[in-house]
C-alpha cells in the first residue's frame, strides 16, 4: 500500500515538475516572441521616420528651382504628414531616448521645410550659428543612435554622420545648392 502511495506521489511530483518547466519555457518563449515583434515594429517605424525626414529635406532643397512649385509643396506636406505619423507611432514602441530624438527630428524638419519654401529659418533666433539642414542632420544622427541602442546593435553610437561623407574618399565634397540637380 505504501509503495503504491509513494509511486503515485512520485508520479504527481514528476508531473508537477514537468508542467512547471514547460510553463517557464513557454513564458520565456512568449516574452522573446513579443520582444522580437516590438523590435520589428521599432525598426519599421524608425525607417519610416527617417524616410519621411529625408524626403522632406529632398523636396525642400529643390523647391526654389522646381518648375511645378505646387506639386513640390504637396510632396513636402506629404512628407511632413508621414513624419508626424511615424513620430507618434514611435511613442508607442520607442524608449524615452528614441521618442525625444524623433520629436527633435520633426522639430528641425519643419525648419528645413520653411527654409525651402519661404527662404527663411523660423528658428534662426534660437539656433543662430546652425542652418536648418545641419540641425536636421544632427537630429537624425541622434535618432539613429537612439534606435540602434534600443535595438541593441553592435556599436550603436557608431553611425556615419552626413557631415563625414566628405571624409570617405579624397576629393569627395558636398555639392553646393547651385551644383545640385533641379530635377522636379
Protein backbone atom coordinates (compact mmCIF):
# COMPACT_ATOMS: atom_id res chain seq x y z
CA UNK A 1 0.00 0.00 0.00
CA UNK A 2 2.79 2.42 0.92
CA UNK A 3 4.62 1.56 -2.25
CA UNK A 4 1.54 2.42 -4.32
CA UNK A 5 1.18 5.73 -2.48
CA UNK A 6 4.87 6.54 -2.97
CA UNK A 7 4.64 5.63 -6.65
CA UNK A 8 1.56 7.78 -7.06
CA UNK A 9 3.18 10.67 -5.15
CA UNK A 10 6.33 10.38 -7.25
CA UNK A 11 4.26 10.42 -10.41
CA UNK A 12 2.38 13.53 -9.27
CA UNK A 13 5.64 15.25 -8.31
CA UNK A 14 7.17 14.41 -11.68
CA UNK A 15 4.09 15.74 -13.49
CA UNK A 16 4.16 18.99 -11.47
CA UNK A 17 7.88 19.49 -12.16
CA UNK A 18 7.41 18.81 -15.88
CA UNK A 19 4.46 21.20 -16.09
CA UNK A 20 6.40 23.86 -14.21
CA UNK A 21 9.36 23.54 -16.56
CA UNK A 22 7.09 23.65 -19.62
CA UNK A 23 5.31 26.74 -18.28
CA UNK A 24 8.62 28.52 -17.66
CA UNK A 25 9.89 27.66 -21.16
CA UNK A 26 6.63 28.83 -22.75
CA UNK A 27 6.68 32.11 -20.83
CA UNK A 28 10.27 32.76 -21.86
CA UNK A 29 9.49 31.91 -25.47
CA UNK A 30 6.41 34.15 -25.48
CA UNK A 31 8.39 37.03 -23.96
CA UNK A 32 11.09 36.57 -26.61
CA UNK A 33 8.50 36.46 -29.39
CA UNK A 34 6.79 39.61 -28.07
CA UNK A 35 10.12 41.42 -27.80
CA UNK A 36 11.04 40.41 -31.36
CA UNK A 37 7.71 41.74 -32.65
CA UNK A 38 8.20 45.05 -30.82
CA UNK A 39 11.73 45.36 -32.18
CA UNK A 40 10.45 44.73 -35.70
CA UNK A 41 7.86 47.48 -35.26
CA UNK A 42 10.50 49.83 -33.83
CA UNK A 43 12.76 49.20 -36.81
CA UNK A 44 9.91 49.65 -39.30
CA UNK A 45 8.59 52.89 -37.76
CA UNK A 46 12.12 54.26 -37.38
CA UNK A 47 12.81 53.59 -41.04
CA UNK A 48 9.55 55.36 -41.94
CA UNK A 49 10.54 58.40 -39.89
CA UNK A 50 14.00 58.55 -41.48
CA UNK A 51 12.48 58.14 -44.95
CA UNK A 52 9.97 60.93 -44.35
CA UNK A 53 12.65 63.27 -42.99
CA UNK A 54 14.91 62.60 -45.98
CA UNK A 55 12.04 63.06 -48.40
CA UNK A 56 11.08 66.34 -46.77
CA UNK A 57 14.67 67.56 -46.99
CA UNK A 58 14.96 66.45 -50.61
CA UNK A 59 11.83 68.26 -51.73
CA UNK A 60 12.55 71.34 -49.62
CA UNK A 61 16.02 71.71 -51.13
CA UNK A 62 14.58 71.51 -54.63
CA UNK A 63 11.54 73.72 -54.12
CA UNK A 64 13.04 77.01 -55.32
CA UNK A 65 14.26 75.52 -58.61
CA UNK A 66 11.15 73.44 -59.22
CA UNK A 67 9.10 74.04 -62.33
CA UNK A 68 5.94 72.87 -60.50
CA UNK A 69 6.04 74.51 -57.09
CA UNK A 70 2.52 73.36 -56.18
CA UNK A 71 3.40 69.70 -56.74
CA UNK A 72 6.69 70.11 -54.87
CA UNK A 73 4.91 71.82 -51.96
CA UNK A 74 2.42 68.95 -51.84
CA UNK A 75 5.31 66.48 -51.61
CA UNK A 76 6.75 68.49 -48.71
CA UNK A 77 3.36 68.45 -46.97
CA UNK A 78 3.01 64.70 -47.56
CA UNK A 79 6.46 64.09 -46.09
CA UNK A 80 5.61 66.23 -43.05
CA UNK A 81 2.45 64.22 -42.50
CA UNK A 82 4.34 60.91 -42.73
CA UNK A 83 6.97 62.27 -40.37
CA UNK A 84 4.37 63.24 -37.77
CA UNK A 85 2.61 59.88 -38.04
CA UNK A 86 5.86 57.94 -37.65
CA UNK A 87 6.86 60.10 -34.68
CA UNK A 88 3.56 59.39 -32.95
CA UNK A 89 3.84 55.67 -33.65
CA UNK A 90 7.35 55.65 -32.19
CA UNK A 91 5.91 56.99 -28.96
CA UNK A 92 4.25 53.58 -28.56
CA UNK A 93 7.35 51.41 -29.08
CA UNK A 94 10.38 53.62 -28.55
CA UNK A 95 12.11 54.23 -25.26
CA UNK A 96 12.40 57.80 -23.97
CA UNK A 97 15.62 58.50 -25.90
CA UNK A 98 14.02 57.37 -29.18
CA UNK A 99 10.88 59.41 -28.52
CA UNK A 100 12.81 62.59 -27.76
CA UNK A 101 15.11 62.09 -30.76
CA UNK A 102 12.12 61.56 -33.07
CA UNK A 103 10.49 64.74 -31.78
CA UNK A 104 13.70 66.72 -32.35
CA UNK A 105 13.90 65.38 -35.92
CA UNK A 106 10.36 66.62 -36.54
CA UNK A 107 11.20 69.98 -34.94
CA UNK A 108 14.17 70.60 -37.25
CA UNK A 109 12.49 69.08 -40.31
CA UNK A 110 9.82 71.75 -40.04
CA UNK A 111 12.52 74.44 -40.16
CA UNK A 112 14.01 72.78 -43.26
CA UNK A 113 10.59 72.88 -44.95
CA UNK A 114 10.06 76.56 -44.12
CA UNK A 115 13.60 77.37 -45.26
CA UNK A 116 12.97 75.60 -48.56
CA UNK A 117 9.57 77.13 -49.28
CA UNK A 118 9.78 80.59 -47.70
CA UNK A 119 13.58 81.02 -47.74
CA UNK A 120 13.66 81.80 -44.02
CA UNK A 121 14.65 79.92 -40.91
CA UNK A 122 11.74 80.10 -38.45
CA UNK A 123 14.10 79.29 -35.59
CA UNK A 124 17.10 81.43 -36.57
CA UNK A 125 16.92 83.36 -33.31
CA UNK A 126 17.27 80.15 -31.28
CA UNK A 127 19.93 78.48 -33.44
CA UNK A 128 21.97 81.44 -34.63
CA UNK A 129 25.02 79.58 -35.91
CA UNK A 130 23.48 76.42 -37.37
CA UNK A 131 21.32 76.26 -40.51
CA UNK A 132 18.19 74.06 -40.53
CA UNK A 133 19.68 71.28 -42.67
CA UNK A 134 22.67 70.92 -40.35
CA UNK A 135 20.31 70.80 -37.37
CA UNK A 136 18.22 68.13 -39.08
CA UNK A 137 21.34 66.10 -39.86
CA UNK A 138 22.42 66.30 -36.22
CA UNK A 139 18.93 65.33 -35.06
CA UNK A 140 18.85 62.36 -37.41
CA UNK A 141 22.26 61.29 -36.16
CA UNK A 142 20.97 61.18 -32.56
CA UNK A 143 17.80 59.42 -33.72
CA UNK A 144 19.81 56.69 -35.49
CA UNK A 145 21.97 56.22 -32.39
CA UNK A 146 18.95 56.04 -30.08
CA UNK A 147 17.20 53.44 -32.23
CA UNK A 148 20.37 51.38 -32.63
CA UNK A 149 20.86 51.44 -28.86
CA UNK A 150 17.31 50.26 -28.19
CA UNK A 151 17.72 47.52 -30.79
CA UNK A 152 20.99 46.52 -29.11
CA UNK A 153 23.04 46.94 -32.28
CA UNK A 154 26.77 46.44 -32.09
CA UNK A 155 28.42 49.85 -31.53
CA UNK A 156 25.11 51.78 -31.51
CA UNK A 157 26.89 55.14 -31.32
CA UNK A 158 29.00 54.42 -34.41
CA UNK A 159 26.79 55.92 -37.12
CA UNK A 160 28.25 57.79 -40.06
CA UNK A 161 27.16 61.44 -39.95
CA UNK A 162 26.22 63.26 -43.15
CA UNK A 163 29.00 65.74 -42.46
CA UNK A 164 31.51 62.85 -42.50
CA UNK A 165 30.67 61.86 -46.08
CA UNK A 166 33.32 64.26 -47.40
CA UNK A 167 35.94 62.27 -45.49
CA UNK A 168 35.06 58.91 -47.04
CA UNK A 169 37.16 59.43 -50.14
CA UNK A 170 39.71 62.05 -51.01
CA UNK A 171 38.19 64.81 -53.06
CA UNK A 172 34.57 63.90 -52.32
CA UNK A 173 32.96 67.18 -51.36
CA UNK A 174 29.31 68.04 -50.83
CA UNK A 175 27.62 69.81 -53.69
CA UNK A 176 26.68 73.43 -53.30
CA UNK A 177 22.99 74.24 -53.85
CA UNK A 178 23.87 75.61 -57.29
CA UNK A 179 25.54 72.31 -58.26
CA UNK A 180 22.63 70.14 -57.14
CA UNK A 181 20.13 68.77 -59.57
CA UNK A 182 17.00 70.79 -60.13
CA UNK A 183 15.05 67.83 -61.44
CA UNK A 184 11.43 68.12 -60.44
